[in-house]
């Protein structure tokens, strides 16, 4: 449970469950979530190989960004809007490494956002000496992926937002990019909320592996470091096996109504166990990282990591 107040895009724990519930009764929970996403985080932005001789445009959190090759850093990121007359850096040029030039009046900026020259005015122009700067965003390249810090404050350690295998030399990472024309909140909810035990109770996957309960009687999502939510396993919480059904006191009935799905689970039992042993574990994790990154998790603001073994 989290407080309805958001500070720098981060949810803060609430100690008063009753007050929180009363707030939710009067407001839709989604109203407390920024429509365009949380800003104080690192985001994967673009593959390094896509950033070449020309500016590369990417839109994140409703903000138009332009990426280009840096001189002292591998990749630079700048707001696509030129601070002069609003020219679009997407249509600009990178005449020299570590610079980007606006297509409107030839204003040329460095990878740190400093105005270096106005090409149409010559070297005698006074504008480059006035301290004019364009908005830039910190970047970091890991495994061929360019990450960008979208926050207003100082960047948090990137290790807080990016899985540890991205920093391991012996880890091989493949990227597949898809663009979904949906609201980001619903797509994350699909992985975060415990809908699967009910919505997918008659799926083939459920026939192979029992999807039981979440929360008090099953896997529970625990907050870690105030930024991630990890789904703990049954055995990790001292529960040997998931319950087959639960009696609901106020409802006066049990759920599931019958146990016929368990017959299918029994038929696939040994094959599922053999498959789980054959698949690799998160072996790139150090023991100290298991607590924060082990297993399946939802990591704010929109990273979903699933352990599909078994």
C-alpha atoms as a PDB file:
ATOM      1  CA  UNK A   1       0.000   0.000   0.000  1.00  0.00           C
ATOM      2  CA  UNK A   2       1.281   3.459  -0.764  1.00  0.00           C
ATOM      3  CA  UNK A   3       0.373   6.964   0.270  1.00  0.00           C
ATOM      4  CA  UNK A   4      -1.551   9.076  -2.242  1.00  0.00           C
ATOM      5  CA  UNK A   5       1.113  11.763  -2.049  1.00  0.00           C
ATOM      6  CA  UNK A   6       3.851  11.546  -4.667  1.00  0.00           C
ATOM      7  CA  UNK A   7       7.238  13.168  -4.034  1.00  0.00           C
ATOM      8  CA  UNK A   8       9.534  13.588  -7.023  1.00  0.00           C
ATOM      9  CA  UNK A   9       7.555  10.937  -8.824  1.00  0.00           C
ATOM     10  CA  UNK A  10       8.094   8.326  -6.089  1.00  0.00           C
ATOM     11  CA  UNK A  11       5.417   6.705  -3.973  1.00  0.00           C
ATOM     12  CA  UNK A  12       5.985   7.017  -0.225  1.00  0.00           C
ATOM     13  CA  UNK A  13       4.768   4.363   2.226  1.00  0.00           C
ATOM     14  CA  UNK A  14       1.636   5.071   4.219  1.00  0.00           C
ATOM     15  CA  UNK A  15       1.221   4.185   7.842  1.00  0.00           C
ATOM     16  CA  UNK A  16      -2.511   4.876   8.071  1.00  0.00           C
ATOM     17  CA  UNK A  17      -4.408   2.288   6.066  1.00  0.00           C
ATOM     18  CA  UNK A  18      -7.847   3.599   7.080  1.00  0.00           C
ATOM     19  CA  UNK A  19      -7.094   7.143   5.925  1.00  0.00           C
ATOM     20  CA  UNK A  20      -5.656   5.804   2.706  1.00  0.00           C
ATOM     21  CA  UNK A  21      -8.751   3.724   2.022  1.00  0.00           C
ATOM     22  CA  UNK A  22     -10.992   6.720   2.723  1.00  0.00           C
ATOM     23  CA  UNK A  23      -9.001   8.719   0.177  1.00  0.00           C
ATOM     24  CA  UNK A  24      -9.386   5.974  -2.396  1.00  0.00           C
ATOM     25  CA  UNK A  25     -13.135   5.896  -1.820  1.00  0.00           C
ATOM     26  CA  UNK A  26     -13.407   9.474  -3.045  1.00  0.00           C
ATOM     27  CA  UNK A  27     -10.803   9.307  -5.819  1.00  0.00           C
ATOM     28  CA  UNK A  28      -9.877   6.936  -8.589  1.00  0.00           C
ATOM     29  CA  UNK A  29      -6.495   5.426  -7.725  1.00  0.00           C
ATOM     30  CA  UNK A  30      -5.209   6.265 -11.176  1.00  0.00           C
ATOM     31  CA  UNK A  31      -5.600   9.950 -10.476  1.00  0.00           C
ATOM     32  CA  UNK A  32      -2.506   9.832  -8.265  1.00  0.00           C
ATOM     33  CA  UNK A  33      -0.349   8.471 -11.094  1.00  0.00           C
ATOM     34  CA  UNK A  34       1.271  10.973 -13.491  1.00  0.00           C
ATOM     35  CA  UNK A  35      -0.444  10.448 -16.885  1.00  0.00           C
ATOM     36  CA  UNK A  36       2.861  10.575 -18.749  1.00  0.00           C
ATOM     37  CA  UNK A  37       4.894   8.641 -16.204  1.00  0.00           C
ATOM     38  CA  UNK A  38       7.348   9.191 -13.356  1.00  0.00           C
ATOM     39  CA  UNK A  39      10.223  11.477 -14.254  1.00  0.00           C
ATOM     40  CA  UNK A  40      12.860  10.836 -11.575  1.00  0.00           C
ATOM     41  CA  UNK A  41      14.140   7.631 -13.136  1.00  0.00           C
ATOM     42  CA  UNK A  42      16.469   6.263 -15.791  1.00  0.00           C
ATOM     43  CA  UNK A  43      14.739   5.086 -18.966  1.00  0.00           C
ATOM     44  CA  UNK A  44      15.980   2.932 -21.862  1.00  0.00           C
ATOM     45  CA  UNK A  45      15.760   5.295 -24.832  1.00  0.00           C
ATOM     46  CA  UNK A  46      17.411   4.110 -28.037  1.00  0.00           C
ATOM     47  CA  UNK A  47      19.868   1.508 -29.291  1.00  0.00           C
ATOM     48  CA  UNK A  48      23.383   2.871 -29.632  1.00  0.00           C
ATOM     49  CA  UNK A  49      23.610   1.644 -33.233  1.00  0.00           C
ATOM     50  CA  UNK A  50      20.653   3.887 -34.140  1.00  0.00           C
ATOM     51  CA  UNK A  51      22.576   7.021 -33.152  1.00  0.00           C
ATOM     52  CA  UNK A  52      24.742   7.908 -36.134  1.00  0.00           C
ATOM     53  CA  UNK A  53      25.730  10.948 -38.182  1.00  0.00           C
ATOM     54  CA  UNK A  54      22.312  12.550 -37.898  1.00  0.00           C
ATOM     55  CA  UNK A  55      20.235  13.464 -34.815  1.00  0.00           C
ATOM     56  CA  UNK A  56      17.998  10.660 -33.569  1.00  0.00           C
ATOM     57  CA  UNK A  57      14.562  11.687 -32.241  1.00  0.00           C
ATOM     58  CA  UNK A  58      12.856   9.844 -29.371  1.00  0.00           C
ATOM     59  CA  UNK A  59       9.802  10.899 -27.367  1.00  0.00           C
ATOM     60  CA  UNK A  60       9.738   9.934 -23.674  1.00  0.00           C
ATOM     61  CA  UNK A  61       7.193  11.062 -21.059  1.00  0.00           C
ATOM     62  CA  UNK A  62       5.745  13.455 -23.641  1.00  0.00           C
ATOM     63  CA  UNK A  63       9.140  15.141 -24.081  1.00  0.00           C
ATOM     64  CA  UNK A  64      10.793  15.283 -27.509  1.00  0.00           C
ATOM     65  CA  UNK A  65      14.465  14.380 -27.209  1.00  0.00           C
ATOM     66  CA  UNK A  66      17.316  14.272 -29.712  1.00  0.00           C
ATOM     67  CA  UNK A  67      20.336  11.977 -29.334  1.00  0.00           C
ATOM     68  CA  UNK A  68      23.668  12.496 -31.091  1.00  0.00           C
ATOM     69  CA  UNK A  69      27.242  11.275 -30.826  1.00  0.00           C
ATOM     70  CA  UNK A  70      29.300  13.065 -28.192  1.00  0.00           C
ATOM     71  CA  UNK A  71      32.945  14.067 -28.072  1.00  0.00           C
ATOM     72  CA  UNK A  72      33.746  13.492 -24.413  1.00  0.00           C
ATOM     73  CA  UNK A  73      30.733  11.243 -23.785  1.00  0.00           C
ATOM     74  CA  UNK A  74      29.495   8.399 -25.953  1.00  0.00           C
ATOM     75  CA  UNK A  75      26.009   9.762 -26.637  1.00  0.00           C
ATOM     76  CA  UNK A  76      24.513  13.161 -25.794  1.00  0.00           C
ATOM     77  CA  UNK A  77      20.841  14.011 -25.350  1.00  0.00           C
ATOM     78  CA  UNK A  78      19.251  17.434 -25.832  1.00  0.00           C
ATOM     79  CA  UNK A  79      15.719  18.803 -25.882  1.00  0.00           C
ATOM     80  CA  UNK A  80      14.519  18.921 -29.482  1.00  0.00           C
ATOM     81  CA  UNK A  81      13.414  22.550 -29.051  1.00  0.00           C
ATOM     82  CA  UNK A  82      16.086  25.152 -29.775  1.00  0.00           C
ATOM     83  CA  UNK A  83      16.024  27.886 -27.067  1.00  0.00           C
ATOM     84  CA  UNK A  84      16.347  30.596 -29.741  1.00  0.00           C
ATOM     85  CA  UNK A  85      13.201  30.482 -31.886  1.00  0.00           C
ATOM     86  CA  UNK A  86      11.954  26.981 -31.190  1.00  0.00           C
ATOM     87  CA  UNK A  87      13.660  25.338 -34.128  1.00  0.00           C
ATOM     88  CA  UNK A  88      13.524  21.560 -34.198  1.00  0.00           C
ATOM     89  CA  UNK A  89      16.844  19.809 -33.594  1.00  0.00           C
ATOM     90  CA  UNK A  90      15.332  16.683 -35.142  1.00  0.00           C
ATOM     91  CA  UNK A  91      15.919  18.330 -38.514  1.00  0.00           C
ATOM     92  CA  UNK A  92      19.316  19.723 -37.503  1.00  0.00           C
ATOM     93  CA  UNK A  93      22.830  18.619 -38.353  1.00  0.00           C
ATOM     94  CA  UNK A  94      25.854  17.302 -36.494  1.00  0.00           C
ATOM     95  CA  UNK A  95      28.561  19.026 -38.527  1.00  0.00           C
ATOM     96  CA  UNK A  96      31.214  18.203 -35.910  1.00  0.00           C
ATOM     97  CA  UNK A  97      31.409  15.432 -33.357  1.00  0.00           C
ATOM     98  CA  UNK A  98      29.923  16.490 -30.040  1.00  0.00           C
ATOM     99  CA  UNK A  99      27.866  19.337 -31.553  1.00  0.00           C
ATOM    100  CA  UNK A 100      24.371  19.810 -32.923  1.00  0.00           C
ATOM    101  CA  UNK A 101      23.194  22.697 -35.103  1.00  0.00           C
ATOM    102  CA  UNK A 102      19.658  24.044 -35.308  1.00  0.00           C
ATOM    103  CA  UNK A 103      18.294  24.001 -38.883  1.00  0.00           C
ATOM    104  CA  UNK A 104      16.615  27.411 -38.482  1.00  0.00           C
ATOM    105  CA  UNK A 105      19.407  29.912 -37.777  1.00  0.00           C
ATOM    106  CA  UNK A 106      22.530  27.790 -37.445  1.00  0.00           C
ATOM    107  CA  UNK A 107      22.847  28.015 -33.673  1.00  0.00           C
ATOM    108  CA  UNK A 108      25.366  25.335 -32.725  1.00  0.00           C
ATOM    109  CA  UNK A 109      25.435  23.735 -29.270  1.00  0.00           C
ATOM    110  CA  UNK A 110      27.850  21.406 -27.509  1.00  0.00           C
ATOM    111  CA  UNK A 111      26.991  18.047 -25.970  1.00  0.00           C
ATOM    112  CA  UNK A 112      26.591  19.839 -22.626  1.00  0.00           C
ATOM    113  CA  UNK A 113      24.068  22.309 -24.097  1.00  0.00           C
ATOM    114  CA  UNK A 114      26.418  25.312 -24.333  1.00  0.00           C
ATOM    115  CA  UNK A 115      25.952  27.660 -27.295  1.00  0.00           C
ATOM    116  CA  UNK A 116      29.268  27.555 -29.157  1.00  0.00           C
ATOM    117  CA  UNK A 117      28.533  29.528 -32.308  1.00  0.00           C
ATOM    118  CA  UNK A 118      25.902  31.166 -34.494  1.00  0.00           C
ATOM    119  CA  UNK A 119      27.043  30.087 -37.937  1.00  0.00           C
ATOM    120  CA  UNK A 120      25.286  32.909 -39.816  1.00  0.00           C
ATOM    121  CA  UNK A 121      26.868  35.649 -37.665  1.00  0.00           C
ATOM    122  CA  UNK A 122      30.513  34.634 -37.738  1.00  0.00           C
ATOM    123  CA  UNK A 123      33.054  34.424 -34.937  1.00  0.00           C
ATOM    124  CA  UNK A 124      32.417  38.026 -33.847  1.00  0.00           C
ATOM    125  CA  UNK A 125      28.911  37.150 -32.630  1.00  0.00           C
ATOM    126  CA  UNK A 126      28.394  38.056 -28.973  1.00  0.00           C
ATOM    127  CA  UNK A 127      25.670  35.457 -28.439  1.00  0.00           C
ATOM    128  CA  UNK A 128      28.014  32.538 -27.597  1.00  0.00           C
ATOM    129  CA  UNK A 129      29.438  34.627 -24.739  1.00  0.00           C
ATOM    130  CA  UNK A 130      26.095  35.265 -23.031  1.00  0.00           C
ATOM    131  CA  UNK A 131      25.849  31.886 -21.297  1.00  0.00           C
ATOM    132  CA  UNK A 132      22.980  30.596 -23.465  1.00  0.00           C
ATOM    133  CA  UNK A 133      22.275  26.897 -22.926  1.00  0.00           C
ATOM    134  CA  UNK A 134      19.873  24.308 -24.304  1.00  0.00           C
ATOM    135  CA  UNK A 135      18.283  21.717 -22.024  1.00  0.00           C
ATOM    136  CA  UNK A 136      20.270  18.483 -21.918  1.00  0.00           C
ATOM    137  CA  UNK A 137      19.630  15.121 -20.234  1.00  0.00           C
ATOM    138  CA  UNK A 138      22.251  12.797 -18.675  1.00  0.00           C
ATOM    139  CA  UNK A 139      22.873   9.563 -20.576  1.00  0.00           C
ATOM    140  CA  UNK A 140      24.589   6.238 -20.001  1.00  0.00           C
ATOM    141  CA  UNK A 141      25.267   3.452 -22.504  1.00  0.00           C
ATOM    142  CA  UNK A 142      24.991  -0.135 -21.260  1.00  0.00           C
ATOM    143  CA  UNK A 143      25.144  -3.231 -23.446  1.00  0.00           C
ATOM    144  CA  UNK A 144      24.401  -1.139 -26.541  1.00  0.00           C
ATOM    145  CA  UNK A 145      21.340   0.548 -25.020  1.00  0.00           C
ATOM    146  CA  UNK A 146      21.302   4.298 -24.353  1.00  0.00           C
ATOM    147  CA  UNK A 147      19.642   5.137 -21.042  1.00  0.00           C
ATOM    148  CA  UNK A 148      18.496   8.667 -20.247  1.00  0.00           C
ATOM    149  CA  UNK A 149      17.720  10.374 -16.930  1.00  0.00           C
ATOM    150  CA  UNK A 150      14.388  12.188 -17.274  1.00  0.00           C
ATOM    151  CA  UNK A 151      14.300  13.817 -13.845  1.00  0.00           C
ATOM    152  CA  UNK A 152      14.660  17.435 -12.842  1.00  0.00           C
ATOM    153  CA  UNK A 153      17.066  16.703 -10.007  1.00  0.00           C
ATOM    154  CA  UNK A 154      20.484  15.093  -9.893  1.00  0.00           C
ATOM    155  CA  UNK A 155      20.473  11.607 -11.444  1.00  0.00           C
ATOM    156  CA  UNK A 156      20.044   8.722  -9.050  1.00  0.00           C
ATOM    157  CA  UNK A 157      22.647   5.941  -9.284  1.00  0.00           C
ATOM    158  CA  UNK A 158      21.710   4.084 -12.443  1.00  0.00           C
ATOM    159  CA  UNK A 159      22.210   0.797 -10.562  1.00  0.00           C
ATOM    160  CA  UNK A 160      18.940   1.526  -8.742  1.00  0.00           C
ATOM    161  CA  UNK A 161      16.918   1.433 -11.955  1.00  0.00           C
ATOM    162  CA  UNK A 162      18.730  -1.016 -14.235  1.00  0.00           C
ATOM    163  CA  UNK A 163      19.066  -4.785 -13.599  1.00  0.00           C
ATOM    164  CA  UNK A 164      22.544  -5.933 -12.495  1.00  0.00           C
ATOM    165  CA  UNK A 165      23.145  -8.122 -15.546  1.00  0.00           C
ATOM    166  CA  UNK A 166      23.482  -4.926 -17.584  1.00  0.00           C
ATOM    167  CA  UNK A 167      26.748  -4.238 -15.758  1.00  0.00           C
ATOM    168  CA  UNK A 168      28.230  -7.739 -16.075  1.00  0.00           C
ATOM    169  CA  UNK A 169      30.796  -8.430 -18.768  1.00  0.00           C
ATOM    170  CA  UNK A 170      29.783 -12.088 -18.866  1.00  0.00           C
ATOM    171  CA  UNK A 171      26.085 -11.316 -19.470  1.00  0.00           C
ATOM    172  CA  UNK A 172      24.725 -11.247 -23.010  1.00  0.00           C
ATOM    173  CA  UNK A 173      21.649  -9.051 -23.481  1.00  0.00           C
ATOM    174  CA  UNK A 174      19.346  -9.021 -26.519  1.00  0.00           C
ATOM    175  CA  UNK A 175      16.942  -6.162 -27.190  1.00  0.00           C
ATOM    176  CA  UNK A 176      13.566  -6.235 -28.883  1.00  0.00           C
ATOM    177  CA  UNK A 177      11.652  -2.972 -29.238  1.00  0.00           C
ATOM    178  CA  UNK A 178       7.881  -2.662 -29.597  1.00  0.00           C
ATOM    179  CA  UNK A 179       5.655   0.397 -29.458  1.00  0.00           C
ATOM    180  CA  UNK A 180       2.260  -0.069 -27.860  1.00  0.00           C
ATOM    181  CA  UNK A 181      -0.415   2.516 -28.561  1.00  0.00           C
ATOM    182  CA  UNK A 182      -1.856   2.231 -25.069  1.00  0.00           C
ATOM    183  CA  UNK A 183      -1.751   4.110 -21.790  1.00  0.00           C
ATOM    184  CA  UNK A 184       1.388   3.022 -19.928  1.00  0.00           C
ATOM    185  CA  UNK A 185      -0.507   2.702 -16.658  1.00  0.00           C
ATOM    186  CA  UNK A 186      -2.790  -0.059 -17.897  1.00  0.00           C
ATOM    187  CA  UNK A 187       0.088  -2.002 -19.441  1.00  0.00           C
ATOM    188  CA  UNK A 188       2.015  -1.996 -16.140  1.00  0.00           C
ATOM    189  CA  UNK A 189      -1.100  -2.850 -14.143  1.00  0.00           C
ATOM    190  CA  UNK A 190      -1.480  -5.953 -16.282  1.00  0.00           C
ATOM    191  CA  UNK A 191       1.753  -7.292 -14.771  1.00  0.00           C
ATOM    192  CA  UNK A 192       1.501  -5.734 -11.329  1.00  0.00           C
ATOM    193  CA  UNK A 193      -2.033  -6.544 -10.229  1.00  0.00           C
ATOM    194  CA  UNK A 194      -2.995 -10.078  -9.242  1.00  0.00           C
ATOM    195  CA  UNK A 195      -5.432 -10.576 -12.106  1.00  0.00           C
ATOM    196  CA  UNK A 196      -3.928 -13.814 -13.473  1.00  0.00           C
ATOM    197  CA  UNK A 197      -5.371 -16.252 -10.882  1.00  0.00           C
ATOM    198  CA  UNK A 198      -8.875 -15.136 -11.847  1.00  0.00           C
ATOM    199  CA  UNK A 199      -8.797 -13.940 -15.455  1.00  0.00           C
ATOM    200  CA  UNK A 200      -6.585 -16.780 -16.706  1.00  0.00           C
ATOM    201  CA  UNK A 201      -7.884 -19.560 -14.466  1.00  0.00           C
ATOM    202  CA  UNK A 202      -9.030 -21.651 -17.472  1.00  0.00           C
ATOM    203  CA  UNK A 203      -5.967 -21.087 -19.644  1.00  0.00           C
ATOM    204  CA  UNK A 204      -3.693 -23.879 -20.859  1.00  0.00           C
ATOM    205  CA  UNK A 205      -0.865 -22.404 -18.810  1.00  0.00           C
ATOM    206  CA  UNK A 206      -2.933 -22.733 -15.643  1.00  0.00           C
ATOM    207  CA  UNK A 207      -3.521 -26.372 -16.554  1.00  0.00           C
ATOM    208  CA  UNK A 208       0.240 -26.882 -16.541  1.00  0.00           C
ATOM    209  CA  UNK A 209       1.113 -24.852 -13.461  1.00  0.00           C
ATOM    210  CA  UNK A 210      -1.357 -23.951 -10.738  1.00  0.00           C
ATOM    211  CA  UNK A 211      -1.966 -20.236 -10.323  1.00  0.00           C
ATOM    212  CA  UNK A 212      -3.295 -20.005  -6.824  1.00  0.00           C
ATOM    213  CA  UNK A 213      -3.697 -16.939  -4.657  1.00  0.00           C
ATOM    214  CA  UNK A 214      -1.858 -13.686  -4.077  1.00  0.00           C
ATOM    215  CA  UNK A 215      -1.533 -11.488  -1.008  1.00  0.00           C
ATOM    216  CA  UNK A 216      -1.882 -13.013   2.490  1.00  0.00           C
ATOM    217  CA  UNK A 217      -2.217 -16.640   1.341  1.00  0.00           C
ATOM    218  CA  UNK A 218       0.135 -16.650  -1.644  1.00  0.00           C
ATOM    219  CA  UNK A 219       2.957 -14.708  -3.273  1.00  0.00           C
ATOM    220  CA  UNK A 220       3.022 -11.131  -2.058  1.00  0.00           C
ATOM    221  CA  UNK A 221       4.567  -8.115  -3.728  1.00  0.00           C
ATOM    222  CA  UNK A 222       7.042  -6.593  -1.280  1.00  0.00           C
ATOM    223  CA  UNK A 223       8.456  -3.097  -1.689  1.00  0.00           C
ATOM    224  CA  UNK A 224      12.240  -2.933  -1.933  1.00  0.00           C
ATOM    225  CA  UNK A 225      14.237   0.261  -1.547  1.00  0.00           C
ATOM    226  CA  UNK A 226      11.080   2.310  -2.095  1.00  0.00           C
ATOM    227  CA  UNK A 227      11.407   1.782  -5.849  1.00  0.00           C
ATOM    228  CA  UNK A 228      10.713  -1.844  -6.697  1.00  0.00           C
ATOM    229  CA  UNK A 229       8.026  -4.410  -5.987  1.00  0.00           C
ATOM    230  CA  UNK A 230       9.163  -8.031  -5.903  1.00  0.00           C
ATOM    231  CA  UNK A 231       6.828 -11.027  -6.022  1.00  0.00           C
ATOM    232  CA  UNK A 232       7.968 -13.422  -3.306  1.00  0.00           C
ATOM    233  CA  UNK A 233       7.507 -17.148  -3.832  1.00  0.00           C
ATOM    234  CA  UNK A 234       5.474 -19.397  -1.545  1.00  0.00           C
ATOM    235  CA  UNK A 235       8.565 -21.116  -0.149  1.00  0.00           C
ATOM    236  CA  UNK A 236      10.331 -17.801   0.254  1.00  0.00           C
ATOM    237  CA  UNK A 237       7.576 -16.845   2.705  1.00  0.00           C
ATOM    238  CA  UNK A 238       7.650 -20.145   4.597  1.00  0.00           C
ATOM    239  CA  UNK A 239       4.675 -21.669   2.729  1.00  0.00           C
ATOM    240  CA  UNK A 240       5.444 -25.111   1.315  1.00  0.00           C
ATOM    241  CA  UNK A 241       2.592 -25.374  -1.171  1.00  0.00           C
ATOM    242  CA  UNK A 242      -0.157 -23.028  -2.370  1.00  0.00           C
ATOM    243  CA  UNK A 243      -3.596 -23.728  -0.898  1.00  0.00           C
ATOM    244  CA  UNK A 244      -6.035 -25.557  -3.152  1.00  0.00           C
ATOM    245  CA  UNK A 245      -8.977 -23.425  -2.067  1.00  0.00           C
ATOM    246  CA  UNK A 246      -9.955 -20.771   0.449  1.00  0.00           C
ATOM    247  CA  UNK A 247     -13.152 -20.381   2.463  1.00  0.00           C
ATOM    248  CA  UNK A 248     -14.378 -16.782   2.388  1.00  0.00           C
ATOM    249  CA  UNK A 249     -16.059 -15.873   5.670  1.00  0.00           C
ATOM    250  CA  UNK A 250     -18.205 -12.958   4.509  1.00  0.00           C
ATOM    251  CA  UNK A 251     -19.033 -14.598   1.189  1.00  0.00           C
ATOM    252  CA  UNK A 252     -20.034 -17.876   2.752  1.00  0.00           C
ATOM    253  CA  UNK A 253     -18.470 -19.884  -0.076  1.00  0.00           C
ATOM    254  CA  UNK A 254     -15.139 -21.308  -1.107  1.00  0.00           C
ATOM    255  CA  UNK A 255     -13.001 -20.512  -4.142  1.00  0.00           C
ATOM    256  CA  UNK A 256     -12.261 -22.166  -6.495  1.00  0.00           C
ATOM    257  CA  UNK A 257     -15.592 -23.903  -6.629  1.00  0.00           C
ATOM    258  CA  UNK A 258     -13.992 -27.182  -7.654  1.00  0.00           C
ATOM    259  CA  UNK A 259     -10.566 -28.770  -7.956  1.00  0.00           C
ATOM    260  CA  UNK A 260     -10.800 -30.182 -11.479  1.00  0.00           C
ATOM    261  CA  UNK A 261      -7.912 -27.967 -12.659  1.00  0.00           C
ATOM    262  CA  UNK A 262      -5.620 -29.759 -10.191  1.00  0.00           C
ATOM    263  CA  UNK A 263      -5.977 -32.949 -12.240  1.00  0.00           C
ATOM    264  CA  UNK A 264      -4.299 -31.184 -15.160  1.00  0.00           C
ATOM    265  CA  UNK A 265      -1.579 -29.866 -12.854  1.00  0.00           C
ATOM    266  CA  UNK A 266      -0.835 -33.413 -11.744  1.00  0.00           C
ATOM    267  CA  UNK A 267      -0.525 -34.590 -15.374  1.00  0.00           C
ATOM    268  CA  UNK A 268       2.081 -31.910 -16.167  1.00  0.00           C
ATOM    269  CA  UNK A 269       3.827 -32.002 -12.778  1.00  0.00           C
ATOM    270  CA  UNK A 270       7.013 -33.867 -13.670  1.00  0.00           C
ATOM    271  CA  UNK A 271       7.477 -32.203 -17.053  1.00  0.00           C
ATOM    272  CA  UNK A 272       7.231 -28.777 -15.476  1.00  0.00           C
ATOM    273  CA  UNK A 273       9.838 -29.624 -12.835  1.00  0.00           C
ATOM    274  CA  UNK A 274      12.229 -31.002 -15.444  1.00  0.00           C
ATOM    275  CA  UNK A 275      11.793 -27.887 -17.583  1.00  0.00           C
ATOM    276  CA  UNK A 276      12.469 -25.592 -14.624  1.00  0.00           C
ATOM    277  CA  UNK A 277      15.766 -27.341 -13.882  1.00  0.00           C
ATOM    278  CA  UNK A 278      16.878 -27.125 -17.508  1.00  0.00           C
ATOM    279  CA  UNK A 279      16.343 -23.367 -17.768  1.00  0.00           C
ATOM    280  CA  UNK A 280      19.005 -20.988 -16.479  1.00  0.00           C
ATOM    281  CA  UNK A 281      18.487 -19.123 -13.257  1.00  0.00           C
ATOM    282  CA  UNK A 282      19.384 -15.499 -12.621  1.00  0.00           C
ATOM    283  CA  UNK A 283      22.960 -16.714 -12.214  1.00  0.00           C
ATOM    284  CA  UNK A 284      24.457 -13.271 -12.902  1.00  0.00           C
ATOM    285  CA  UNK A 285      23.171 -12.026  -9.564  1.00  0.00           C
ATOM    286  CA  UNK A 286      25.517 -11.626  -6.662  1.00  0.00           C
ATOM    287  CA  UNK A 287      24.198 -12.887  -3.283  1.00  0.00           C
ATOM    288  CA  UNK A 288      23.682  -9.307  -2.093  1.00  0.00           C
ATOM    289  CA  UNK A 289      21.549  -8.591  -5.193  1.00  0.00           C
ATOM    290  CA  UNK A 290      19.166 -11.509  -4.736  1.00  0.00           C
ATOM    291  CA  UNK A 291      17.082  -9.563  -2.219  1.00  0.00           C
ATOM    292  CA  UNK A 292      16.455  -6.678  -4.601  1.00  0.00           C
ATOM    293  CA  UNK A 293      16.575  -8.275  -8.053  1.00  0.00           C
ATOM    294  CA  UNK A 294      15.932 -12.001  -7.638  1.00  0.00           C
ATOM    295  CA  UNK A 295      12.897 -13.534  -9.345  1.00  0.00           C
ATOM    296  CA  UNK A 296       9.958 -11.748 -10.941  1.00  0.00           C
ATOM    297  CA  UNK A 297       9.365  -8.124 -10.151  1.00  0.00           C
ATOM    298  CA  UNK A 298       7.758  -4.875 -11.104  1.00  0.00           C
ATOM    299  CA  UNK A 299      10.296  -2.081 -10.885  1.00  0.00           C
ATOM    300  CA  UNK A 300       9.131   1.501 -11.026  1.00  0.00           C
ATOM    301  CA  UNK A 301       8.299   3.256 -13.185  1.00  0.00           C
ATOM    302  CA  UNK A 302       7.525   0.708 -15.864  1.00  0.00           C
ATOM    303  CA  UNK A 303       9.972  -2.178 -15.840  1.00  0.00           C
ATOM    304  CA  UNK A 304       8.468  -5.632 -15.581  1.00  0.00           C
ATOM    305  CA  UNK A 305      10.837  -8.566 -15.184  1.00  0.00           C
ATOM    306  CA  UNK A 306       9.451 -12.095 -15.286  1.00  0.00           C
ATOM    307  CA  UNK A 307      11.074 -15.351 -14.307  1.00  0.00           C
ATOM    308  CA  UNK A 308       9.385 -17.809 -16.688  1.00  0.00           C
ATOM    309  CA  UNK A 309      10.995 -20.972 -15.377  1.00  0.00           C
ATOM    310  CA  UNK A 310       8.387 -23.619 -14.725  1.00  0.00           C
END
